[in-house]
């Protein structure tokens, strides 16, 4: 059984036991979170697709940790003007483990 969930403006296909890096959630480590925006649920007898979400479906997960990804260097410049700027960015994330798919 698998599910397609939406969180942080992105969609993820998840199975029980998967570990995901998603956009940062407002939850501490070892907290339980529930994703209610389930777009589709795939079972042995077929696929249940919502319009836009499947009624009564949810995905339970446990937060493993919060952190920041590796630094990305952003360099902007304007040619022939002597204008340049170097910046770095570290995107925050939340690592979760999928524990149950309730359909």
C-alpha atoms as a PDB file:
ATOM      1  CA  UNK A   1       0.000   0.000   0.000  1.00  0.00           C
ATOM      2  CA  UNK A   2       1.248   3.462  -0.838  1.00  0.00           C
ATOM      3  CA  UNK A   3      -0.067   7.014  -0.677  1.00  0.00           C
ATOM      4  CA  UNK A   4       0.634  10.318  -2.394  1.00  0.00           C
ATOM      5  CA  UNK A   5       0.689  13.192   0.110  1.00  0.00           C
ATOM      6  CA  UNK A   6       1.092  16.936  -0.237  1.00  0.00           C
ATOM      7  CA  UNK A   7       3.166  18.980   2.202  1.00  0.00           C
ATOM      8  CA  UNK A   8       5.255  22.109   1.859  1.00  0.00           C
ATOM      9  CA  UNK A   9       3.930  22.726  -1.661  1.00  0.00           C
ATOM     10  CA  UNK A  10       5.340  19.422  -2.910  1.00  0.00           C
ATOM     11  CA  UNK A  11       3.945  15.949  -3.483  1.00  0.00           C
ATOM     12  CA  UNK A  12       5.561  12.741  -2.220  1.00  0.00           C
ATOM     13  CA  UNK A  13       4.795   9.075  -2.837  1.00  0.00           C
ATOM     14  CA  UNK A  14       5.241   7.280   0.482  1.00  0.00           C
ATOM     15  CA  UNK A  15       5.205   3.721   1.801  1.00  0.00           C
ATOM     16  CA  UNK A  16       5.242   2.554   5.413  1.00  0.00           C
ATOM     17  CA  UNK A  17       8.803   2.772   6.732  1.00  0.00           C
ATOM     18  CA  UNK A  18      10.019   5.437   4.287  1.00  0.00           C
ATOM     19  CA  UNK A  19      12.247   8.245   5.552  1.00  0.00           C
ATOM     20  CA  UNK A  20      11.676  11.639   3.899  1.00  0.00           C
ATOM     21  CA  UNK A  21      13.328  15.040   3.952  1.00  0.00           C
ATOM     22  CA  UNK A  22      10.474  17.540   3.657  1.00  0.00           C
ATOM     23  CA  UNK A  23      10.048  21.287   4.079  1.00  0.00           C
ATOM     24  CA  UNK A  24      10.425  22.354   7.704  1.00  0.00           C
ATOM     25  CA  UNK A  25       7.462  21.617   9.965  1.00  0.00           C
ATOM     26  CA  UNK A  26       6.683  23.282  13.276  1.00  0.00           C
ATOM     27  CA  UNK A  27       7.303  20.096  15.302  1.00  0.00           C
ATOM     28  CA  UNK A  28      10.010  18.928  17.664  1.00  0.00           C
ATOM     29  CA  UNK A  29      12.027  15.716  17.337  1.00  0.00           C
ATOM     30  CA  UNK A  30      10.171  12.510  18.346  1.00  0.00           C
ATOM     31  CA  UNK A  31       6.793  14.209  17.816  1.00  0.00           C
ATOM     32  CA  UNK A  32       4.021  12.554  15.841  1.00  0.00           C
ATOM     33  CA  UNK A  33       2.562  14.382  12.844  1.00  0.00           C
ATOM     34  CA  UNK A  34      -0.413  13.567  10.631  1.00  0.00           C
ATOM     35  CA  UNK A  35      -0.684  14.456   6.964  1.00  0.00           C
ATOM     36  CA  UNK A  36      -4.349  14.961   6.014  1.00  0.00           C
ATOM     37  CA  UNK A  37      -3.749  16.115   2.437  1.00  0.00           C
ATOM     38  CA  UNK A  38      -3.723  12.667   0.832  1.00  0.00           C
ATOM     39  CA  UNK A  39      -4.098  12.943  -2.942  1.00  0.00           C
ATOM     40  CA  UNK A  40      -4.197   9.229  -3.783  1.00  0.00           C
ATOM     41  CA  UNK A  41      -4.057   5.856  -2.051  1.00  0.00           C
ATOM     42  CA  UNK A  42      -2.879   2.757  -3.905  1.00  0.00           C
ATOM     43  CA  UNK A  43      -4.142  -0.587  -2.613  1.00  0.00           C
ATOM     44  CA  UNK A  44      -4.090  -4.156  -3.876  1.00  0.00           C
ATOM     45  CA  UNK A  45      -7.601  -3.750  -5.331  1.00  0.00           C
ATOM     46  CA  UNK A  46      -6.908  -0.474  -7.147  1.00  0.00           C
ATOM     47  CA  UNK A  47      -6.188   3.215  -6.820  1.00  0.00           C
ATOM     48  CA  UNK A  48      -8.353   5.687  -4.887  1.00  0.00           C
ATOM     49  CA  UNK A  49      -7.923   9.221  -6.206  1.00  0.00           C
ATOM     50  CA  UNK A  50      -9.364  12.246  -4.435  1.00  0.00           C
ATOM     51  CA  UNK A  51     -10.871  15.414  -5.837  1.00  0.00           C
ATOM     52  CA  UNK A  52      -8.664  17.102  -4.620  1.00  0.00           C
ATOM     53  CA  UNK A  53      -8.079  14.927  -1.511  1.00  0.00           C
ATOM     54  CA  UNK A  54      -9.220  11.452  -0.490  1.00  0.00           C
ATOM     55  CA  UNK A  55     -11.942  11.640   2.199  1.00  0.00           C
ATOM     56  CA  UNK A  56     -10.996  10.085   5.525  1.00  0.00           C
ATOM     57  CA  UNK A  57      -7.440   9.210   4.493  1.00  0.00           C
ATOM     58  CA  UNK A  58      -4.392  10.241   6.499  1.00  0.00           C
ATOM     59  CA  UNK A  59      -0.736   9.354   6.871  1.00  0.00           C
ATOM     60  CA  UNK A  60       0.888   9.139  10.314  1.00  0.00           C
ATOM     61  CA  UNK A  61       4.586   9.969  10.650  1.00  0.00           C
ATOM     62  CA  UNK A  62       7.166  10.547  13.348  1.00  0.00           C
ATOM     63  CA  UNK A  63       9.648  13.439  13.263  1.00  0.00           C
ATOM     64  CA  UNK A  64      13.224  12.187  13.446  1.00  0.00           C
ATOM     65  CA  UNK A  65      15.024  15.531  13.414  1.00  0.00           C
ATOM     66  CA  UNK A  66      15.057  19.106  12.150  1.00  0.00           C
ATOM     67  CA  UNK A  67      18.098  20.504  10.407  1.00  0.00           C
ATOM     68  CA  UNK A  68      19.591  22.475   7.542  1.00  0.00           C
ATOM     69  CA  UNK A  69      20.812  21.125   4.226  1.00  0.00           C
ATOM     70  CA  UNK A  70      24.221  21.809   2.705  1.00  0.00           C
ATOM     71  CA  UNK A  71      25.095  25.353   1.742  1.00  0.00           C
ATOM     72  CA  UNK A  72      24.286  26.525  -1.777  1.00  0.00           C
ATOM     73  CA  UNK A  73      26.369  29.423  -3.104  1.00  0.00           C
ATOM     74  CA  UNK A  74      24.417  32.142  -4.905  1.00  0.00           C
ATOM     75  CA  UNK A  75      26.478  34.599  -6.967  1.00  0.00           C
ATOM     76  CA  UNK A  76      24.850  37.497  -8.826  1.00  0.00           C
ATOM     77  CA  UNK A  77      26.573  40.095 -10.956  1.00  0.00           C
ATOM     78  CA  UNK A  78      25.908  42.704 -13.618  1.00  0.00           C
ATOM     79  CA  UNK A  79      28.425  42.628 -16.442  1.00  0.00           C
ATOM     80  CA  UNK A  80      30.486  45.730 -17.209  1.00  0.00           C
ATOM     81  CA  UNK A  81      29.153  47.506 -14.088  1.00  0.00           C
ATOM     82  CA  UNK A  82      31.497  46.187 -11.411  1.00  0.00           C
ATOM     83  CA  UNK A  83      28.527  45.043  -9.342  1.00  0.00           C
ATOM     84  CA  UNK A  84      28.650  41.604  -7.745  1.00  0.00           C
ATOM     85  CA  UNK A  85      27.273  39.873  -4.676  1.00  0.00           C
ATOM     86  CA  UNK A  86      28.012  36.460  -3.182  1.00  0.00           C
ATOM     87  CA  UNK A  87      25.534  34.869  -0.801  1.00  0.00           C
ATOM     88  CA  UNK A  88      24.934  31.458   0.715  1.00  0.00           C
ATOM     89  CA  UNK A  89      21.701  29.673   1.557  1.00  0.00           C
ATOM     90  CA  UNK A  90      20.914  26.649   3.740  1.00  0.00           C
ATOM     91  CA  UNK A  91      17.375  25.319   3.356  1.00  0.00           C
ATOM     92  CA  UNK A  92      15.794  24.075   6.606  1.00  0.00           C
ATOM     93  CA  UNK A  93      14.225  20.602   6.528  1.00  0.00           C
ATOM     94  CA  UNK A  94      12.400  18.107   8.704  1.00  0.00           C
ATOM     95  CA  UNK A  95      13.253  14.420   8.488  1.00  0.00           C
ATOM     96  CA  UNK A  96      10.216  12.176   9.053  1.00  0.00           C
ATOM     97  CA  UNK A  97       9.568   8.435   9.095  1.00  0.00           C
ATOM     98  CA  UNK A  98       6.245   7.189   7.754  1.00  0.00           C
ATOM     99  CA  UNK A  99       4.599   4.900  10.307  1.00  0.00           C
ATOM    100  CA  UNK A 100       1.058   4.219   9.023  1.00  0.00           C
ATOM    101  CA  UNK A 101      -1.232   4.854   6.076  1.00  0.00           C
ATOM    102  CA  UNK A 102      -4.882   5.097   7.126  1.00  0.00           C
ATOM    103  CA  UNK A 103      -7.254   4.779   4.178  1.00  0.00           C
END
